[in-house]
Amino acid sequence: MSALQNFKRAGHSPTLFAAFLYFAFSCCIWVLNGALAPFISEAYHLTPAQKGLMLSIPIMAGALMRFPLGLLSQYIGRKNATLVEMGMIAVAMLYGFFMVKSYDDLLAMGVLLGIAGASFGVALSLGSGWFPPQYKGLAMGLVGAGNVGTAVSVLVAPPLAQAYGWQTVYAFAAAAILVPMLVMIIFAKEPPDVDAHASLREHVACLFEKDGWAFSLIYGVTFGGFIGLTTFLPTYYYDQFGVSKVQAGQLTMLAAFMGAAVRVVGGWLSDRWGGVNMLTFVLVVVAITLALIGMSSGSLVLTTLLLIVCFAALGAGNGALFQLVPLRWPAATAVAGSMIGEIGALGGGLVPNLMGLSKQHAGTYAWGFVVFAVLAVLMLGVMRVMQIRWTRTWAEKGGRARQAAVAGQDADPVHYQRV
């Protein structure tokens, strides 16, 4: 039997697909203001700092909403939580179409776009909940590949905005979210790994542990870099290189698609090579490419090639980190994932602000890239220190799943909460 057949037999493929589609549509909507930024900036004559603030609000709002949604899923079920969220997204998009009339309204719309960004932890837990430990990295990578929705957004939204007006894109989004809602209702099933045996105190214990914060800070570079750069790049390409609004979206799509696609590879490689080993490689590549991007702002071709490499590393890093999460918190993966997603995604909110402030006060975007490269180096140091204890307690050398967990022999899953 092939590895793919083994993987499919180990879990529930329809639920995996429904979780992927839900996350993909959510990501698409989450970065809408980034995809539409050249149109919005022209309409309201925004300064670089105003652009940065406008683009950072959806990211930060989405980050702050992740943990409450993850906690809600523990009480009403992950499938039901996704349906509640998608209904709220539809209402938020209608607000954007009918009510946004000024820059202040646009900032409020950014908060509502954050509803879509709350989907991450629940989507991954729902999709991977049917799979045993040795396949969770791949399952989470497949669901996490829903990040491709960001690429779809920057590719599709600008032509729609050019043809029908940028606010009309919100109306299209309100209609589009009905597709994953129907798929979720018809095909998804609540996973059997319900955390009924773990108390609320055990669920939130990861909020007060060093490991939780280490994971969150690393994720702030990998996923924060991915979502922050995806949101900002249409503006960067439009301002820095003078390309058209539609071309800015197309160029951003090349990098965003690479980051989403490689996430699956990151999860798969981490199952075999180890999440710690994978993250070490990722953070080195991210730091180098970001620094080079800051120094290559005069070349459109070189910048685009470096961004593709950088996004590939960021995507692989996202898959690698969430290969480690269910190993560290097997009894509370949904809430731990939401907490890490919440804190980590806040890093994405730094990117547009760093870029906007760098441009406004230094006259160049280069320092924004350089600062984020330095953060990647710092997180590499944090991880290399922490992994010494990780590989002595809850993971094999390099960050692979312990053989006892692979064989389903964990007698005390709460043990992982206490190491």
Protein backbone atom coordinates (compact mmCIF):
# COMPACT_ATOMS: atom_id res chain seq x y z
CA MET A 1 0.00 0.00 0.00
CA SER A 2 1.39 3.43 -0.94
CA ALA A 3 2.17 6.14 1.57
CA LEU A 4 -0.69 8.24 0.18
CA GLN A 5 -3.16 5.40 0.61
CA ASN A 6 -1.94 4.85 4.17
CA PHE A 7 -2.44 8.54 4.87
CA LYS A 8 -5.98 8.57 3.42
CA ARG A 9 -6.98 5.45 5.33
CA ALA A 10 -5.66 6.92 8.58
CA GLY A 11 -8.09 9.86 8.63
CA HIS A 12 -11.23 11.41 7.10
CA SER A 13 -10.46 13.01 3.73
CA PRO A 14 -13.80 14.91 3.30
CA THR A 15 -13.24 16.73 6.60
CA LEU A 16 -9.66 17.49 5.59
CA PHE A 17 -10.87 19.00 2.31
CA ALA A 18 -13.65 21.00 4.01
CA ALA A 19 -11.13 22.43 6.50
CA PHE A 20 -8.76 23.34 3.66
CA LEU A 21 -11.51 25.11 1.68
CA TYR A 22 -12.74 26.98 4.76
CA PHE A 23 -9.23 28.17 5.56
CA ALA A 24 -8.52 29.10 1.92
CA PHE A 25 -11.62 31.30 1.62
CA SER A 26 -10.92 32.84 5.03
CA CYS A 27 -7.35 33.75 4.02
CA CYS A 28 -8.63 35.18 0.74
CA ILE A 29 -10.98 37.53 2.58
CA TRP A 30 -8.54 38.33 5.40
CA VAL A 31 -6.07 40.06 3.05
CA LEU A 32 -8.64 41.85 0.87
CA ASN A 33 -7.59 45.31 2.00
CA GLY A 34 -4.01 44.46 1.10
CA ALA A 35 -5.05 43.29 -2.37
CA LEU A 36 -7.13 46.46 -2.82
CA ALA A 37 -4.59 48.80 -1.19
CA PRO A 38 -3.44 50.58 -4.39
CA PHE A 39 -7.08 51.41 -5.20
CA ILE A 40 -7.89 52.44 -1.62
CA SER A 41 -4.75 54.56 -1.27
CA GLU A 42 -5.60 56.41 -4.46
CA ALA A 43 -9.18 57.01 -3.32
CA TYR A 44 -8.21 58.43 0.08
CA HIS A 45 -4.72 59.86 -0.73
CA LEU A 46 -3.05 57.95 2.10
CA THR A 47 0.44 58.60 3.49
CA PRO A 48 2.86 55.63 3.86
CA ALA A 49 2.13 55.49 7.60
CA GLN A 50 -1.63 55.50 7.01
CA LYS A 51 -1.23 52.66 4.52
CA GLY A 52 0.76 50.69 7.08
CA LEU A 53 -1.89 51.19 9.76
CA MET A 54 -4.73 50.28 7.41
CA LEU A 55 -2.98 47.05 6.37
CA SER A 56 -1.94 46.03 9.88
CA ILE A 57 -5.38 46.25 11.52
CA PRO A 58 -6.94 43.17 9.83
CA ILE A 59 -3.86 41.11 10.72
CA MET A 60 -3.84 42.14 14.38
CA ALA A 61 -7.62 41.85 14.72
CA GLY A 62 -7.51 38.36 13.23
CA ALA A 63 -4.73 37.39 15.60
CA LEU A 64 -6.68 38.58 18.65
CA MET A 65 -9.81 36.71 17.57
CA ARG A 66 -8.09 33.34 17.12
CA PHE A 67 -7.95 32.25 20.74
CA PRO A 68 -11.62 33.05 21.52
CA LEU A 69 -12.70 31.06 18.45
CA GLY A 70 -10.48 28.15 19.48
CA LEU A 71 -11.96 28.21 22.96
CA LEU A 72 -15.50 28.38 21.54
CA SER A 73 -14.75 25.30 19.45
CA GLN A 74 -14.11 23.33 22.63
CA TYR A 75 -17.72 23.89 23.71
CA ILE A 76 -19.77 23.84 20.50
CA GLY A 77 -17.44 21.71 18.35
CA ARG A 78 -14.96 22.72 15.68
CA LYS A 79 -17.36 22.24 12.78
CA ASN A 80 -20.04 24.42 14.40
CA ALA A 81 -17.44 27.07 15.27
CA THR A 82 -16.43 27.33 11.60
CA LEU A 83 -20.06 27.83 10.55
CA VAL A 84 -20.59 30.57 13.14
CA GLU A 85 -17.45 32.34 11.95
CA MET A 86 -18.34 32.13 8.25
CA GLY A 87 -21.78 33.59 8.93
CA MET A 88 -20.11 36.52 10.68
CA ILE A 89 -17.73 36.96 7.73
CA ALA A 90 -20.67 37.29 5.32
CA VAL A 91 -22.23 40.01 7.48
CA ALA A 92 -18.87 41.83 7.74
CA MET A 93 -18.47 41.86 3.95
CA LEU A 94 -21.93 43.39 3.53
CA TYR A 95 -20.91 46.11 5.98
CA GLY A 96 -17.90 46.84 3.79
CA PHE A 97 -20.03 47.11 0.67
CA PHE A 98 -22.75 49.33 2.12
CA MET A 99 -21.11 51.30 4.95
CA VAL A 100 -17.47 52.18 4.18
CA LYS A 101 -17.42 55.88 3.24
CA SER A 102 -14.21 57.24 4.81
CA TYR A 103 -10.76 56.28 6.04
CA ASP A 104 -12.11 55.81 9.57
CA ASP A 105 -14.78 53.45 8.20
CA LEU A 106 -12.00 51.60 6.41
CA LEU A 107 -10.15 51.08 9.69
CA ALA A 108 -13.34 49.69 11.21
CA MET A 109 -13.66 47.41 8.20
CA GLY A 110 -10.15 46.20 8.93
CA VAL A 111 -11.32 44.98 12.34
CA LEU A 112 -14.18 43.08 10.68
CA LEU A 113 -11.81 41.51 8.16
CA GLY A 114 -10.02 40.13 11.19
CA ILE A 115 -12.95 37.74 11.71
CA ALA A 116 -11.70 35.80 8.69
CA GLY A 117 -8.20 35.69 10.15
CA ALA A 118 -9.46 33.89 13.26
CA SER A 119 -9.93 30.64 11.33
CA PHE A 120 -6.44 29.20 11.55
CA GLY A 121 -6.30 27.16 14.77
CA VAL A 122 -9.77 25.67 14.37
CA ALA A 123 -9.19 24.81 10.69
CA LEU A 124 -5.98 22.92 11.45
CA SER A 125 -7.43 21.12 14.44
CA LEU A 126 -10.57 20.14 12.52
CA GLY A 127 -8.66 18.83 9.51
CA SER A 128 -5.96 16.97 11.43
CA GLY A 129 -8.15 15.70 14.27
CA TRP A 130 -8.87 12.43 12.46
CA PHE A 131 -5.19 11.58 11.94
CA PRO A 132 -2.68 9.82 14.24
CA PRO A 133 0.51 11.60 15.38
CA GLN A 134 2.74 10.38 12.54
CA TYR A 135 0.43 11.99 9.95
CA LYS A 136 -0.57 15.17 11.75
CA GLY A 137 2.26 17.21 10.26
CA LEU A 138 1.15 16.33 6.74
CA ALA A 139 -2.55 16.83 7.57
CA MET A 140 -1.89 20.23 9.10
CA GLY A 141 0.31 21.11 6.14
CA LEU A 142 -2.50 20.26 3.72
CA VAL A 143 -5.04 22.36 5.62
CA GLY A 144 -2.48 25.13 6.11
CA ALA A 145 -1.98 25.19 2.34
CA GLY A 146 -5.26 27.11 2.43
CA ASN A 147 -2.87 30.04 2.70
CA VAL A 148 -3.12 29.87 -1.08
CA GLY A 149 -6.26 31.94 -0.56
CA THR A 150 -3.99 34.93 -0.04
CA ALA A 151 -2.55 34.37 -3.53
CA VAL A 152 -6.04 34.06 -5.00
CA SER A 153 -7.04 37.31 -3.31
CA VAL A 154 -4.17 39.41 -4.67
CA LEU A 155 -4.66 37.86 -8.11
CA VAL A 156 -8.46 38.13 -8.43
CA ALA A 157 -9.40 41.20 -6.35
CA PRO A 158 -7.50 43.88 -8.38
CA PRO A 159 -9.13 43.01 -11.75
CA LEU A 160 -12.54 42.90 -10.07
CA ALA A 161 -11.88 46.26 -8.42
CA GLN A 162 -10.78 47.75 -11.73
CA ALA A 163 -13.90 46.48 -13.48
CA TYR A 164 -16.58 47.03 -10.81
CA GLY A 165 -15.08 49.32 -8.14
CA TRP A 166 -13.08 48.27 -5.09
CA GLN A 167 -16.02 48.26 -2.64
CA THR A 168 -17.97 45.88 -4.86
CA VAL A 169 -15.28 43.27 -4.17
CA TYR A 170 -16.64 43.02 -0.61
CA ALA A 171 -20.02 42.02 -2.05
CA PHE A 172 -18.38 39.31 -4.16
CA ALA A 173 -16.65 38.04 -1.02
CA ALA A 174 -19.96 37.90 0.90
CA ALA A 175 -21.38 35.63 -1.79
CA ALA A 176 -18.23 33.52 -2.12
CA ILE A 177 -18.12 32.51 1.56
CA LEU A 178 -21.34 30.53 1.01
CA VAL A 179 -19.33 27.91 -0.92
CA PRO A 180 -17.17 26.68 1.98
CA MET A 181 -20.17 26.93 4.31
CA LEU A 182 -22.11 24.42 2.18
CA VAL A 183 -19.10 22.13 1.85
CA MET A 184 -18.58 22.21 5.61
CA ILE A 185 -22.23 21.40 6.32
CA ILE A 186 -22.40 18.51 3.85
CA PHE A 187 -18.99 16.82 4.08
CA ALA A 188 -17.26 17.62 7.39
CA LYS A 189 -17.53 15.50 10.52
CA GLU A 190 -16.42 16.46 14.00
CA PRO A 191 -13.14 14.60 14.78
CA PRO A 192 -13.13 11.95 17.50
CA ASP A 193 -10.27 13.57 19.43
CA VAL A 194 -12.65 15.81 21.42
CA ASP A 195 -10.88 17.26 24.44
CA ALA A 196 -13.64 16.34 26.90
CA HIS A 197 -11.12 14.51 29.11
CA ALA A 198 -9.05 17.67 29.64
CA SER A 199 -10.15 20.47 31.92
CA LEU A 200 -10.27 24.16 31.00
CA ARG A 201 -7.28 24.69 33.27
CA GLU A 202 -5.30 22.13 31.26
CA HIS A 203 -6.44 23.74 28.01
CA VAL A 204 -5.10 27.18 28.88
CA ALA A 205 -1.96 25.93 30.65
CA CYS A 206 0.06 26.51 27.47
CA LEU A 207 -0.58 30.24 27.86
CA PHE A 208 1.71 30.27 30.88
CA GLU A 209 4.56 28.10 29.59
CA LYS A 210 7.86 29.06 28.02
CA ASP A 211 7.29 26.64 25.16
CA GLY A 212 4.04 28.38 24.23
CA TRP A 213 5.76 31.74 24.01
CA ALA A 214 8.75 30.32 22.12
CA PHE A 215 6.43 28.77 19.53
CA SER A 216 4.44 31.99 19.28
CA LEU A 217 7.49 34.19 18.69
CA ILE A 218 8.90 31.86 16.04
CA TYR A 219 5.48 31.78 14.39
CA GLY A 220 5.51 35.58 14.49
CA VAL A 221 8.39 35.41 12.01
CA THR A 222 7.15 32.55 9.81
CA PHE A 223 3.41 33.11 9.52
CA GLY A 224 3.61 36.75 10.60
CA GLY A 225 6.12 37.34 7.82
CA PHE A 226 3.97 35.45 5.32
CA ILE A 227 0.69 37.26 6.01
CA GLY A 228 2.30 40.65 6.65
CA LEU A 229 4.31 40.62 3.44
CA THR A 230 1.40 39.26 1.40
CA THR A 231 -0.74 42.12 2.64
CA PHE A 232 1.93 44.74 1.99
CA LEU A 233 3.50 43.61 -1.29
CA PRO A 234 0.81 45.01 -3.65
CA THR A 235 1.53 48.43 -2.15
CA TYR A 236 5.30 47.85 -2.29
CA TYR A 237 5.30 46.81 -5.94
CA TYR A 238 2.98 49.67 -6.91
CA ASP A 239 4.97 52.35 -5.05
CA GLN A 240 8.51 51.04 -5.49
CA PHE A 241 8.48 49.86 -9.10
CA GLY A 242 5.59 51.80 -10.65
CA VAL A 243 3.79 48.71 -11.99
CA SER A 244 0.02 48.79 -12.53
CA LYS A 245 -2.39 47.87 -9.74
CA VAL A 246 -3.27 44.59 -11.43
CA GLN A 247 0.40 43.75 -12.09
CA ALA A 248 1.21 44.44 -8.44
CA GLY A 249 -1.32 41.80 -7.47
CA GLN A 250 0.03 39.33 -10.02
CA LEU A 251 3.60 39.72 -8.79
CA THR A 252 2.48 39.29 -5.18
CA MET A 253 0.60 36.15 -6.18
CA LEU A 254 3.82 34.49 -7.37
CA ALA A 255 5.36 34.72 -3.90
CA ALA A 256 2.17 34.05 -1.93
CA PHE A 257 1.33 30.95 -3.96
CA MET A 258 4.83 29.56 -3.38
CA GLY A 259 4.53 30.10 0.37
CA ALA A 260 1.16 28.36 0.53
CA ALA A 261 2.20 25.40 -1.62
CA VAL A 262 5.46 24.73 0.21
CA ARG A 263 3.67 24.64 3.55
CA VAL A 264 2.55 21.10 2.73
CA VAL A 265 6.15 20.13 1.98
CA GLY A 266 7.23 21.71 5.26
CA GLY A 267 4.82 19.55 7.25
CA TRP A 268 5.77 16.40 5.33
CA LEU A 269 9.52 16.97 5.68
CA SER A 270 9.10 17.78 9.37
CA ASP A 271 7.39 14.44 10.00
CA ARG A 272 10.53 12.77 8.61
CA TRP A 273 13.40 15.18 9.26
CA GLY A 274 12.04 16.87 12.38
CA GLY A 275 10.36 20.23 12.94
CA VAL A 276 13.34 21.70 14.80
CA ASN A 277 15.74 20.83 11.99
CA MET A 278 13.34 22.24 9.42
CA LEU A 279 12.83 25.50 11.33
CA THR A 280 16.58 25.99 11.68
CA PHE A 281 17.01 25.86 7.92
CA VAL A 282 13.93 28.07 7.38
CA LEU A 283 15.00 30.89 9.68
CA VAL A 284 18.46 31.06 8.13
CA VAL A 285 16.98 31.35 4.62
CA VAL A 286 14.40 33.94 5.72
CA ALA A 287 17.01 36.16 7.38
CA ILE A 288 19.32 36.09 4.36
CA THR A 289 16.63 36.71 1.74
CA LEU A 290 14.95 39.54 3.67
CA ALA A 291 18.28 41.35 4.04
CA LEU A 292 18.99 40.91 0.33
CA ILE A 293 15.50 42.15 -0.61
CA GLY A 294 16.16 45.34 1.33
CA MET A 295 19.35 45.88 -0.70
CA SER A 296 17.86 44.99 -4.11
CA SER A 297 15.05 47.55 -4.25
CA GLY A 298 16.24 48.82 -7.64
CA SER A 299 15.64 45.53 -9.46
CA LEU A 300 12.10 44.23 -9.98
CA VAL A 301 13.28 40.83 -11.24
CA LEU A 302 15.78 40.19 -8.43
CA THR A 303 13.31 41.38 -5.79
CA THR A 304 10.63 39.03 -7.10
CA LEU A 305 12.99 36.04 -7.22
CA LEU A 306 14.19 36.69 -3.67
CA LEU A 307 10.61 37.07 -2.45
CA ILE A 308 9.67 33.72 -3.99
CA VAL A 309 12.56 32.03 -2.13
CA CYS A 310 11.68 33.87 1.09
CA PHE A 311 8.01 32.89 0.87
CA ALA A 312 8.92 29.27 0.16
CA ALA A 313 10.94 29.25 3.39
CA LEU A 314 8.17 30.99 5.35
CA GLY A 315 5.61 28.48 4.11
CA ALA A 316 7.82 25.53 5.02
CA GLY A 317 8.38 27.08 8.44
CA ASN A 318 4.65 27.33 9.08
CA GLY A 319 4.22 23.64 8.29
CA ALA A 320 7.23 22.73 10.44
CA LEU A 321 6.08 24.62 13.51
CA PHE A 322 2.63 23.07 13.45
CA GLN A 323 4.13 19.63 13.12
CA LEU A 324 5.50 20.28 16.62
CA VAL A 325 2.33 21.69 18.22
CA PRO A 326 0.33 18.41 18.50
CA LEU A 327 3.45 16.68 19.85
CA ARG A 328 3.82 19.25 22.60
CA TRP A 329 0.09 19.64 23.43
CA PRO A 330 -1.63 16.42 22.31
CA ALA A 331 -4.61 16.92 24.63
CA ALA A 332 -5.25 20.57 23.75
CA THR A 333 -4.07 21.03 20.18
CA ALA A 334 -6.98 23.30 19.16
CA VAL A 335 -6.55 25.82 21.96
CA ALA A 336 -2.73 25.69 21.89
CA GLY A 337 -2.80 26.20 18.14
CA SER A 338 -5.17 29.13 18.47
CA MET A 339 -3.04 30.73 21.18
CA ILE A 340 0.14 30.34 19.15
CA GLY A 341 -1.68 31.60 16.08
CA GLU A 342 -2.99 34.59 18.00
CA ILE A 343 0.31 35.74 19.45
CA GLY A 344 2.37 34.74 16.42
CA ALA A 345 0.14 36.37 13.83
CA LEU A 346 0.55 39.67 15.65
CA GLY A 347 4.04 39.63 14.13
CA GLY A 348 2.36 40.06 10.77
CA GLY A 349 0.87 43.32 11.96
CA LEU A 350 4.38 44.66 12.49
CA VAL A 351 5.35 44.26 8.84
CA PRO A 352 3.09 46.89 7.19
CA ASN A 353 3.76 49.33 10.02
CA LEU A 354 7.52 48.80 9.82
CA MET A 355 7.42 49.34 6.08
CA GLY A 356 5.22 52.42 6.27
CA LEU A 357 7.27 54.05 8.99
CA SER A 358 10.52 53.18 7.23
CA LYS A 359 9.31 54.81 4.01
CA GLN A 360 7.85 57.88 5.69
CA HIS A 361 10.80 58.65 7.98
CA ALA A 362 13.81 57.18 6.13
CA GLY A 363 12.59 57.56 2.56
CA THR A 364 13.07 53.86 1.81
CA TYR A 365 11.38 50.54 2.57
CA ALA A 366 14.76 48.81 3.02
CA TRP A 367 14.96 49.23 6.79
CA GLY A 368 11.64 47.44 7.25
CA PHE A 369 13.05 44.34 5.55
CA VAL A 370 16.29 44.55 7.52
CA VAL A 371 14.55 44.81 10.90
CA PHE A 372 12.44 41.74 10.14
CA ALA A 373 15.60 39.86 9.07
CA VAL A 374 17.15 40.63 12.46
CA LEU A 375 14.03 39.27 14.19
CA ALA A 376 14.42 36.02 12.26
CA VAL A 377 18.01 35.67 13.54
CA LEU A 378 16.86 36.32 17.12
CA MET A 379 14.16 33.63 16.86
CA LEU A 380 16.71 31.18 15.51
CA GLY A 381 18.74 31.73 18.66
CA VAL A 382 15.68 31.27 20.89
CA MET A 383 14.76 27.98 19.21
CA ARG A 384 18.26 26.52 19.32
CA VAL A 385 18.37 27.12 23.08
CA MET A 386 14.87 25.74 23.73
CA GLN A 387 15.21 22.64 21.55
CA ILE A 388 17.76 21.11 23.94
CA ARG A 389 14.96 20.51 26.46
CA TRP A 390 12.33 19.71 23.81
CA THR A 391 14.31 16.75 22.49
CA ARG A 392 14.81 15.41 26.02
CA THR A 393 11.14 15.46 26.97
CA TRP A 394 8.40 15.38 24.32
CA ALA A 395 10.16 15.00 20.94
CA GLU A 396 12.84 12.87 19.31
CA LYS A 397 16.13 14.39 18.15
CA GLY A 398 15.50 17.06 15.53
CA GLY A 399 11.84 17.43 16.50
CA ARG A 400 10.32 14.19 15.21
CA ALA A 401 7.39 12.44 16.91
CA ARG A 402 8.39 10.04 19.68
CA GLN A 403 7.94 6.41 18.71
CA ALA A 404 5.55 5.78 21.60
CA ALA A 405 3.25 8.49 20.26
CA VAL A 406 3.47 7.08 16.73
CA ALA A 407 2.46 3.65 18.01
CA GLY A 408 -0.43 5.13 19.96
CA GLN A 409 1.06 4.14 23.33
CA ASP A 410 0.72 7.44 25.19
CA ALA A 411 -0.61 6.51 28.59
CA ASP A 412 -0.73 10.02 29.97
CA PRO A 413 -1.20 12.74 27.32
CA VAL A 414 -1.48 15.41 29.99
CA HIS A 415 2.17 14.68 30.78
CA TYR A 416 3.08 16.82 27.82
CA GLN A 417 1.40 19.77 29.48
CA ARG A 418 3.75 19.56 32.45
CA VAL A 419 7.24 19.10 31.02
